[in-house]
N, C-alpha and C. Protein backbone atom coordinates (compact mmCIF):
# COMPACT_ATOMS: atom_id res chain seq x y z
N MET A 1 253.84 -39.29 237.83
CA MET A 1 254.82 -38.94 238.84
C MET A 1 255.06 -40.17 239.72
N ARG A 2 256.33 -40.44 239.95
CA ARG A 2 256.71 -41.56 240.80
C ARG A 2 257.38 -41.03 242.07
N LEU A 3 257.12 -41.71 243.18
CA LEU A 3 257.71 -41.36 244.47
C LEU A 3 258.71 -42.44 244.85
N TRP A 4 259.79 -42.02 245.47
CA TRP A 4 260.84 -42.92 245.93
C TRP A 4 261.12 -42.61 247.38
N LEU A 5 261.39 -43.63 248.15
CA LEU A 5 261.83 -43.46 249.53
C LEU A 5 263.11 -44.27 249.69
N ALA A 6 264.21 -43.57 249.85
CA ALA A 6 265.49 -44.22 250.10
C ALA A 6 265.81 -44.00 251.57
N ALA A 7 266.04 -45.10 252.28
CA ALA A 7 266.21 -45.02 253.73
C ALA A 7 267.36 -45.91 254.18
N VAL A 8 268.08 -45.43 255.18
CA VAL A 8 269.14 -46.22 255.79
C VAL A 8 268.49 -47.21 256.75
N GLY A 9 268.89 -48.46 256.67
CA GLY A 9 268.39 -49.51 257.57
C GLY A 9 267.37 -50.39 256.91
N ARG A 10 267.27 -51.59 257.41
CA ARG A 10 266.33 -52.59 256.90
C ARG A 10 265.15 -52.70 257.85
N SER A 11 263.96 -52.62 257.29
CA SER A 11 262.77 -52.72 258.14
C SER A 11 262.48 -54.19 258.44
N ARG A 12 261.85 -54.40 259.56
CA ARG A 12 261.41 -55.74 259.97
C ARG A 12 259.90 -55.73 260.09
N THR A 13 259.34 -56.92 260.16
CA THR A 13 257.90 -56.98 260.35
C THR A 13 257.55 -56.39 261.72
N GLY A 14 256.38 -55.81 261.81
CA GLY A 14 255.93 -55.22 263.06
C GLY A 14 255.10 -53.99 262.80
N PRO A 15 254.69 -53.31 263.86
CA PRO A 15 253.76 -52.18 263.74
C PRO A 15 254.29 -51.03 262.87
N ALA A 16 255.58 -50.70 262.96
CA ALA A 16 256.11 -49.60 262.16
C ALA A 16 256.05 -49.94 260.67
N ARG A 17 256.39 -51.16 260.32
CA ARG A 17 256.32 -51.59 258.91
C ARG A 17 254.87 -51.66 258.45
N ASP A 18 253.99 -52.13 259.33
CA ASP A 18 252.56 -52.19 258.99
C ASP A 18 252.00 -50.81 258.69
N LEU A 19 252.41 -49.81 259.47
CA LEU A 19 251.95 -48.43 259.25
C LEU A 19 252.41 -47.95 257.88
N TYR A 20 253.68 -48.17 257.57
CA TYR A 20 254.20 -47.78 256.27
C TYR A 20 253.41 -48.48 255.15
N ASP A 21 253.26 -49.79 255.26
CA ASP A 21 252.57 -50.56 254.22
C ASP A 21 251.13 -50.11 254.04
N GLU A 22 250.46 -49.77 255.13
CA GLU A 22 249.07 -49.32 255.07
C GLU A 22 248.93 -48.08 254.18
N TYR A 23 249.75 -47.06 254.46
CA TYR A 23 249.61 -45.81 253.72
C TYR A 23 250.26 -45.88 252.34
N ALA A 24 251.35 -46.59 252.21
CA ALA A 24 251.96 -46.76 250.88
C ALA A 24 250.98 -47.46 249.95
N GLY A 25 250.22 -48.41 250.48
CA GLY A 25 249.25 -49.14 249.69
C GLY A 25 248.06 -48.30 249.27
N ARG A 26 247.78 -47.21 249.98
CA ARG A 26 246.66 -46.33 249.64
C ARG A 26 247.01 -45.33 248.53
N LEU A 27 248.27 -45.13 248.30
CA LEU A 27 248.70 -44.12 247.33
C LEU A 27 248.39 -44.54 245.90
N SER A 28 247.92 -43.59 245.11
CA SER A 28 247.78 -43.87 243.67
C SER A 28 249.08 -43.56 242.95
N TRP A 29 249.93 -42.71 243.52
CA TRP A 29 251.26 -42.49 242.96
C TRP A 29 252.11 -43.71 243.31
N PRO A 30 252.87 -44.26 242.39
CA PRO A 30 253.74 -45.38 242.74
C PRO A 30 254.81 -44.93 243.74
N LEU A 31 255.01 -45.71 244.79
CA LEU A 31 256.02 -45.43 245.81
C LEU A 31 256.94 -46.63 245.91
N THR A 32 258.21 -46.41 245.67
CA THR A 32 259.22 -47.47 245.73
C THR A 32 260.12 -47.22 246.93
N LEU A 33 260.27 -48.23 247.77
CA LEU A 33 261.16 -48.17 248.93
C LEU A 33 262.49 -48.82 248.57
N ARG A 34 263.57 -48.08 248.79
CA ARG A 34 264.92 -48.61 248.61
C ARG A 34 265.64 -48.48 249.95
N GLU A 35 266.03 -49.62 250.50
CA GLU A 35 266.74 -49.63 251.78
C GLU A 35 268.23 -49.84 251.53
N VAL A 36 269.04 -49.08 252.24
CA VAL A 36 270.49 -49.18 252.11
C VAL A 36 271.10 -49.28 253.50
N GLU A 37 272.28 -49.86 253.56
CA GLU A 37 272.99 -49.87 254.84
C GLU A 37 274.46 -50.12 254.63
N VAL A 38 275.25 -49.54 255.52
CA VAL A 38 276.69 -49.78 255.59
C VAL A 38 276.87 -50.77 256.72
N LYS A 39 277.49 -51.90 256.43
CA LYS A 39 277.59 -52.96 257.44
C LYS A 39 278.83 -52.86 258.33
N LYS A 40 279.72 -51.93 258.02
CA LYS A 40 280.95 -51.78 258.82
C LYS A 40 280.74 -50.77 259.93
N ARG A 41 281.46 -50.94 261.00
CA ARG A 41 281.50 -49.91 262.05
C ARG A 41 282.50 -48.86 261.61
N LEU A 42 282.02 -47.63 261.53
CA LEU A 42 282.85 -46.52 261.07
C LEU A 42 282.64 -45.31 261.96
N PRO A 43 283.61 -44.39 261.98
CA PRO A 43 283.38 -43.14 262.69
C PRO A 43 282.17 -42.42 262.09
N PRO A 44 281.44 -41.65 262.89
CA PRO A 44 280.20 -41.04 262.42
C PRO A 44 280.30 -40.26 261.10
N ASP A 45 281.34 -39.47 260.93
CA ASP A 45 281.46 -38.68 259.70
C ASP A 45 281.64 -39.57 258.47
N GLU A 46 282.42 -40.63 258.60
CA GLU A 46 282.62 -41.56 257.49
C GLU A 46 281.35 -42.36 257.23
N MET A 47 280.65 -42.73 258.28
CA MET A 47 279.39 -43.45 258.13
C MET A 47 278.38 -42.59 257.36
N LYS A 48 278.25 -41.33 257.75
CA LYS A 48 277.33 -40.43 257.06
C LYS A 48 277.73 -40.25 255.59
N ARG A 49 279.02 -40.15 255.33
CA ARG A 49 279.49 -39.99 253.95
C ARG A 49 279.12 -41.20 253.10
N GLN A 50 279.35 -42.40 253.63
CA GLN A 50 279.03 -43.62 252.87
C GLN A 50 277.53 -43.81 252.72
N GLU A 51 276.77 -43.53 253.77
CA GLU A 51 275.31 -43.63 253.68
C GLU A 51 274.77 -42.64 252.64
N ALA A 52 275.34 -41.44 252.60
CA ALA A 52 274.90 -40.44 251.62
C ALA A 52 275.12 -40.96 250.20
N GLU A 53 276.27 -41.57 249.95
CA GLU A 53 276.55 -42.13 248.63
C GLU A 53 275.52 -43.20 248.26
N LEU A 54 275.21 -44.08 249.21
CA LEU A 54 274.24 -45.15 248.95
C LEU A 54 272.84 -44.59 248.71
N LEU A 55 272.43 -43.61 249.51
CA LEU A 55 271.10 -43.02 249.34
C LEU A 55 270.97 -42.36 247.97
N LEU A 56 271.96 -41.58 247.59
CA LEU A 56 271.89 -40.87 246.31
C LEU A 56 271.95 -41.83 245.13
N ALA A 57 272.65 -42.95 245.30
CA ALA A 57 272.73 -43.96 244.24
C ALA A 57 271.42 -44.74 244.11
N ALA A 58 270.58 -44.71 245.14
CA ALA A 58 269.35 -45.51 245.16
C ALA A 58 268.17 -44.81 244.49
N ILE A 59 268.35 -43.57 244.05
CA ILE A 59 267.24 -42.81 243.46
C ILE A 59 267.55 -42.47 242.00
N PRO A 60 266.51 -42.24 241.21
CA PRO A 60 266.74 -41.90 239.80
C PRO A 60 267.43 -40.55 239.63
N ALA A 61 268.29 -40.48 238.64
CA ALA A 61 268.93 -39.20 238.30
C ALA A 61 267.83 -38.22 237.92
N GLY A 62 268.01 -36.97 238.29
CA GLY A 62 267.04 -35.94 237.94
C GLY A 62 265.85 -35.84 238.87
N SER A 63 265.83 -36.66 239.91
CA SER A 63 264.73 -36.60 240.88
C SER A 63 264.72 -35.28 241.63
N ILE A 64 263.54 -34.84 242.02
CA ILE A 64 263.42 -33.81 243.06
C ILE A 64 263.80 -34.54 244.35
N VAL A 65 264.73 -34.00 245.13
CA VAL A 65 265.19 -34.68 246.34
C VAL A 65 264.74 -33.92 247.57
N VAL A 66 264.04 -34.64 248.45
CA VAL A 66 263.60 -34.10 249.73
C VAL A 66 264.32 -34.91 250.81
N ALA A 67 265.19 -34.26 251.56
CA ALA A 67 265.90 -34.93 252.65
C ALA A 67 265.18 -34.64 253.95
N LEU A 68 264.79 -35.70 254.65
CA LEU A 68 264.20 -35.52 255.97
C LEU A 68 265.34 -35.26 256.94
N ASP A 69 265.30 -34.10 257.56
CA ASP A 69 266.44 -33.63 258.34
C ASP A 69 265.95 -32.77 259.49
N GLU A 70 266.52 -32.98 260.65
CA GLU A 70 266.10 -32.22 261.83
C GLU A 70 266.31 -30.72 261.67
N ARG A 71 267.23 -30.33 260.79
CA ARG A 71 267.48 -28.90 260.56
C ARG A 71 266.65 -28.36 259.40
N GLY A 72 265.76 -29.19 258.88
CA GLY A 72 264.92 -28.79 257.76
C GLY A 72 263.77 -27.91 258.21
N LYS A 73 262.89 -27.65 257.27
CA LYS A 73 261.74 -26.79 257.52
C LYS A 73 260.53 -27.63 257.88
N SER A 74 259.83 -27.26 258.94
CA SER A 74 258.56 -27.89 259.29
C SER A 74 257.46 -27.16 258.54
N VAL A 75 256.62 -27.91 257.87
CA VAL A 75 255.53 -27.31 257.09
C VAL A 75 254.22 -27.99 257.48
N SER A 76 253.13 -27.30 257.22
CA SER A 76 251.82 -27.89 257.45
C SER A 76 251.54 -28.94 256.38
N SER A 77 250.55 -29.76 256.63
CA SER A 77 250.15 -30.76 255.63
C SER A 77 249.70 -30.09 254.33
N GLU A 78 249.00 -28.96 254.45
CA GLU A 78 248.55 -28.24 253.27
C GLU A 78 249.73 -27.70 252.47
N ALA A 79 250.73 -27.15 253.15
CA ALA A 79 251.91 -26.62 252.47
C ALA A 79 252.71 -27.75 251.82
N PHE A 80 252.80 -28.89 252.50
CA PHE A 80 253.48 -30.06 251.95
C PHE A 80 252.78 -30.51 250.67
N ALA A 81 251.46 -30.60 250.72
CA ALA A 81 250.68 -30.98 249.54
C ALA A 81 250.90 -29.96 248.42
N GLY A 82 250.93 -28.69 248.77
CA GLY A 82 251.14 -27.65 247.77
C GLY A 82 252.49 -27.77 247.09
N LYS A 83 253.51 -28.11 247.86
CA LYS A 83 254.86 -28.28 247.30
C LYS A 83 254.88 -29.46 246.34
N ILE A 84 254.28 -30.58 246.75
CA ILE A 84 254.23 -31.75 245.87
C ILE A 84 253.41 -31.44 244.62
N GLY A 85 252.29 -30.77 244.80
CA GLY A 85 251.46 -30.39 243.66
C GLY A 85 252.20 -29.48 242.69
N ALA A 86 252.97 -28.54 243.21
CA ALA A 86 253.74 -27.64 242.35
C ALA A 86 254.79 -28.42 241.56
N TRP A 87 255.50 -29.34 242.23
CA TRP A 87 256.49 -30.15 241.51
C TRP A 87 255.80 -30.99 240.43
N ARG A 88 254.67 -31.57 240.78
CA ARG A 88 253.91 -32.37 239.81
C ARG A 88 253.52 -31.51 238.62
N ASP A 89 252.99 -30.33 238.89
CA ASP A 89 252.52 -29.45 237.83
C ASP A 89 253.67 -28.91 236.97
N GLN A 90 254.87 -28.87 237.54
CA GLN A 90 256.05 -28.44 236.78
C GLN A 90 256.65 -29.59 235.97
N GLY A 91 256.03 -30.76 236.07
CA GLY A 91 256.47 -31.90 235.26
C GLY A 91 257.46 -32.83 235.91
N ALA A 92 257.61 -32.77 237.22
CA ALA A 92 258.54 -33.68 237.90
C ALA A 92 258.12 -35.12 237.65
N ALA A 93 259.06 -35.92 237.18
CA ALA A 93 258.78 -37.35 236.95
C ALA A 93 258.99 -38.15 238.22
N ASP A 94 259.98 -37.74 239.02
CA ASP A 94 260.34 -38.49 240.23
C ASP A 94 260.58 -37.53 241.38
N ILE A 95 260.02 -37.87 242.54
CA ILE A 95 260.32 -37.15 243.78
C ILE A 95 260.85 -38.20 244.75
N ALA A 96 262.05 -37.95 245.26
CA ALA A 96 262.71 -38.90 246.15
C ALA A 96 262.84 -38.31 247.55
N PHE A 97 262.44 -39.09 248.53
CA PHE A 97 262.54 -38.71 249.94
C PHE A 97 263.66 -39.55 250.55
N LEU A 98 264.58 -38.90 251.25
CA LEU A 98 265.73 -39.59 251.82
C LEU A 98 265.70 -39.51 253.34
N ILE A 99 265.82 -40.68 253.97
CA ILE A 99 265.90 -40.77 255.43
C ILE A 99 267.28 -41.31 255.77
N GLY A 100 268.04 -40.53 256.50
CA GLY A 100 269.41 -40.89 256.84
C GLY A 100 269.49 -41.87 257.99
N GLY A 101 270.71 -42.12 258.40
CA GLY A 101 270.97 -43.04 259.50
C GLY A 101 270.91 -42.34 260.85
N ALA A 102 271.40 -43.02 261.86
CA ALA A 102 271.31 -42.54 263.24
C ALA A 102 272.02 -41.20 263.45
N ASP A 103 273.06 -40.93 262.68
CA ASP A 103 273.80 -39.68 262.84
C ASP A 103 273.36 -38.60 261.86
N GLY A 104 272.30 -38.87 261.10
CA GLY A 104 271.79 -37.87 260.16
C GLY A 104 272.38 -38.04 258.77
N HIS A 105 272.20 -37.01 257.96
CA HIS A 105 272.64 -37.05 256.56
C HIS A 105 274.06 -36.54 256.41
N GLY A 106 274.75 -37.11 255.43
CA GLY A 106 276.05 -36.61 255.03
C GLY A 106 275.90 -35.33 254.22
N ASP A 107 276.98 -34.62 254.08
CA ASP A 107 276.97 -33.34 253.36
C ASP A 107 276.49 -33.48 251.92
N ALA A 108 276.79 -34.60 251.27
CA ALA A 108 276.40 -34.79 249.87
C ALA A 108 274.88 -34.79 249.72
N VAL A 109 274.17 -35.35 250.68
CA VAL A 109 272.70 -35.36 250.61
C VAL A 109 272.17 -33.95 250.79
N ARG A 110 272.67 -33.24 251.78
CA ARG A 110 272.19 -31.87 252.00
C ARG A 110 272.48 -30.99 250.79
N ALA A 111 273.65 -31.18 250.18
CA ALA A 111 274.01 -30.37 249.01
C ALA A 111 273.11 -30.69 247.82
N ARG A 112 272.71 -31.94 247.67
CA ARG A 112 271.87 -32.36 246.54
C ARG A 112 270.39 -32.07 246.74
N ALA A 113 269.96 -31.95 247.99
CA ALA A 113 268.54 -31.80 248.30
C ALA A 113 267.95 -30.52 247.72
N ASP A 114 266.75 -30.68 247.16
CA ASP A 114 265.99 -29.53 246.70
C ASP A 114 265.19 -28.93 247.86
N PHE A 115 264.95 -29.75 248.88
CA PHE A 115 264.19 -29.29 250.04
C PHE A 115 264.59 -30.12 251.25
N LEU A 116 264.83 -29.46 252.38
CA LEU A 116 265.09 -30.14 253.64
C LEU A 116 263.81 -30.07 254.46
N LEU A 117 263.27 -31.23 254.82
CA LEU A 117 261.99 -31.32 255.53
C LEU A 117 262.20 -31.87 256.92
N ALA A 118 261.65 -31.19 257.92
CA ALA A 118 261.66 -31.67 259.30
C ALA A 118 260.24 -32.08 259.67
N LEU A 119 260.11 -33.19 260.36
CA LEU A 119 258.81 -33.63 260.87
C LEU A 119 258.65 -33.14 262.30
N GLY A 120 258.92 -31.87 262.50
CA GLY A 120 258.81 -31.26 263.83
C GLY A 120 260.14 -31.25 264.55
N LEU A 121 260.11 -30.77 265.77
CA LEU A 121 261.34 -30.62 266.55
C LEU A 121 261.74 -31.89 267.30
N MET A 122 260.81 -32.82 267.45
CA MET A 122 261.11 -34.05 268.17
C MET A 122 261.91 -35.01 267.30
N THR A 123 262.62 -35.91 267.95
CA THR A 123 263.34 -36.97 267.26
C THR A 123 262.44 -38.19 267.19
N TRP A 124 262.33 -38.80 266.00
CA TRP A 124 261.47 -39.96 265.79
C TRP A 124 262.31 -41.16 265.38
N PRO A 125 261.87 -42.36 265.76
CA PRO A 125 262.58 -43.56 265.29
C PRO A 125 262.52 -43.61 263.76
N HIS A 126 263.64 -43.96 263.15
CA HIS A 126 263.72 -43.96 261.69
C HIS A 126 262.67 -44.84 261.03
N MET A 127 262.37 -45.97 261.63
CA MET A 127 261.38 -46.87 261.04
C MET A 127 259.97 -46.28 261.14
N LEU A 128 259.69 -45.54 262.19
CA LEU A 128 258.40 -44.89 262.34
C LEU A 128 258.26 -43.72 261.35
N VAL A 129 259.36 -43.04 261.07
CA VAL A 129 259.34 -41.92 260.13
C VAL A 129 258.85 -42.38 258.76
N ARG A 130 259.19 -43.59 258.36
CA ARG A 130 258.72 -44.10 257.07
C ARG A 130 257.20 -44.11 257.02
N GLY A 131 256.57 -44.59 258.07
CA GLY A 131 255.11 -44.62 258.13
C GLY A 131 254.51 -43.23 258.19
N MET A 132 255.14 -42.36 258.96
CA MET A 132 254.65 -40.98 259.07
C MET A 132 254.74 -40.27 257.72
N LEU A 133 255.83 -40.49 257.01
CA LEU A 133 255.98 -39.89 255.69
C LEU A 133 254.95 -40.45 254.72
N ALA A 134 254.77 -41.76 254.72
CA ALA A 134 253.79 -42.39 253.82
C ALA A 134 252.39 -41.83 254.09
N GLU A 135 252.05 -41.63 255.36
CA GLU A 135 250.74 -41.06 255.68
C GLU A 135 250.63 -39.64 255.16
N GLN A 136 251.67 -38.84 255.31
CA GLN A 136 251.63 -37.46 254.82
C GLN A 136 251.58 -37.40 253.29
N LEU A 137 252.21 -38.36 252.63
CA LEU A 137 252.10 -38.43 251.16
C LEU A 137 250.67 -38.77 250.75
N TYR A 138 250.07 -39.71 251.47
CA TYR A 138 248.67 -40.05 251.19
C TYR A 138 247.78 -38.85 251.46
N ARG A 139 248.02 -38.16 252.57
CA ARG A 139 247.23 -36.98 252.92
C ARG A 139 247.40 -35.91 251.83
N ALA A 140 248.62 -35.71 251.35
CA ALA A 140 248.87 -34.73 250.29
C ALA A 140 248.10 -35.10 249.03
N GLN A 141 248.12 -36.37 248.69
CA GLN A 141 247.36 -36.84 247.53
C GLN A 141 245.88 -36.51 247.69
N GLN A 142 245.35 -36.75 248.88
CA GLN A 142 243.93 -36.50 249.12
C GLN A 142 243.61 -35.00 249.13
N ILE A 143 244.50 -34.20 249.70
CA ILE A 143 244.31 -32.75 249.69
C ILE A 143 244.26 -32.25 248.24
N LEU A 144 245.21 -32.69 247.43
CA LEU A 144 245.28 -32.25 246.04
C LEU A 144 244.07 -32.71 245.24
N ALA A 145 243.47 -33.83 245.64
CA ALA A 145 242.28 -34.35 244.95
C ALA A 145 240.99 -33.74 245.47
N GLY A 146 241.08 -32.92 246.55
CA GLY A 146 239.88 -32.33 247.13
C GLY A 146 239.06 -33.32 247.94
N HIS A 147 239.68 -34.40 248.37
CA HIS A 147 239.00 -35.43 249.15
C HIS A 147 238.91 -34.98 250.61
N PRO A 148 237.84 -35.37 251.31
CA PRO A 148 237.66 -34.91 252.69
C PRO A 148 238.51 -35.65 253.74
N TYR A 149 239.43 -36.52 253.34
CA TYR A 149 240.31 -37.21 254.32
C TYR A 149 240.97 -36.21 255.26
N HIS A 150 241.46 -35.13 254.70
CA HIS A 150 242.13 -34.10 255.50
C HIS A 150 241.09 -33.08 255.95
N ARG A 151 240.92 -33.00 257.25
CA ARG A 151 239.95 -32.04 257.81
C ARG A 151 240.69 -30.99 258.61
N ALA A 152 241.05 -29.92 257.98
CA ALA A 152 241.81 -28.87 258.67
C ALA A 152 240.88 -27.82 259.24
């Protein structure tokens, strides 16, 4: 099983990137980061539409798609691990996580998503979300392996 993270914006060196790199490096599942961006100033709806096209083009066809979205479902770490484990056990080759731009996801991403995931009710910086997601993926891996990293 391969993991993909398609995200709007380019990361820079610093603590947020270090957090992402730390947990991405711990994963035994391969995790590929694909960064996309629209360089033009556009009205929000058009920006979201173009970003959605770029995000969907950055992931393999047939992927399970998880869109990180404020209107998504908040789940526990155990439930998140269970969902990933179920997809793995059903033979999913690729699971893609999509992080939208400042105005959120375009309709095409929401329509394509197999699951809308919220990281709580608070708003988080997009670059920090990458690290938070990578940590939760690592935690899910450890939960599924029965490792004591996760102490619930």
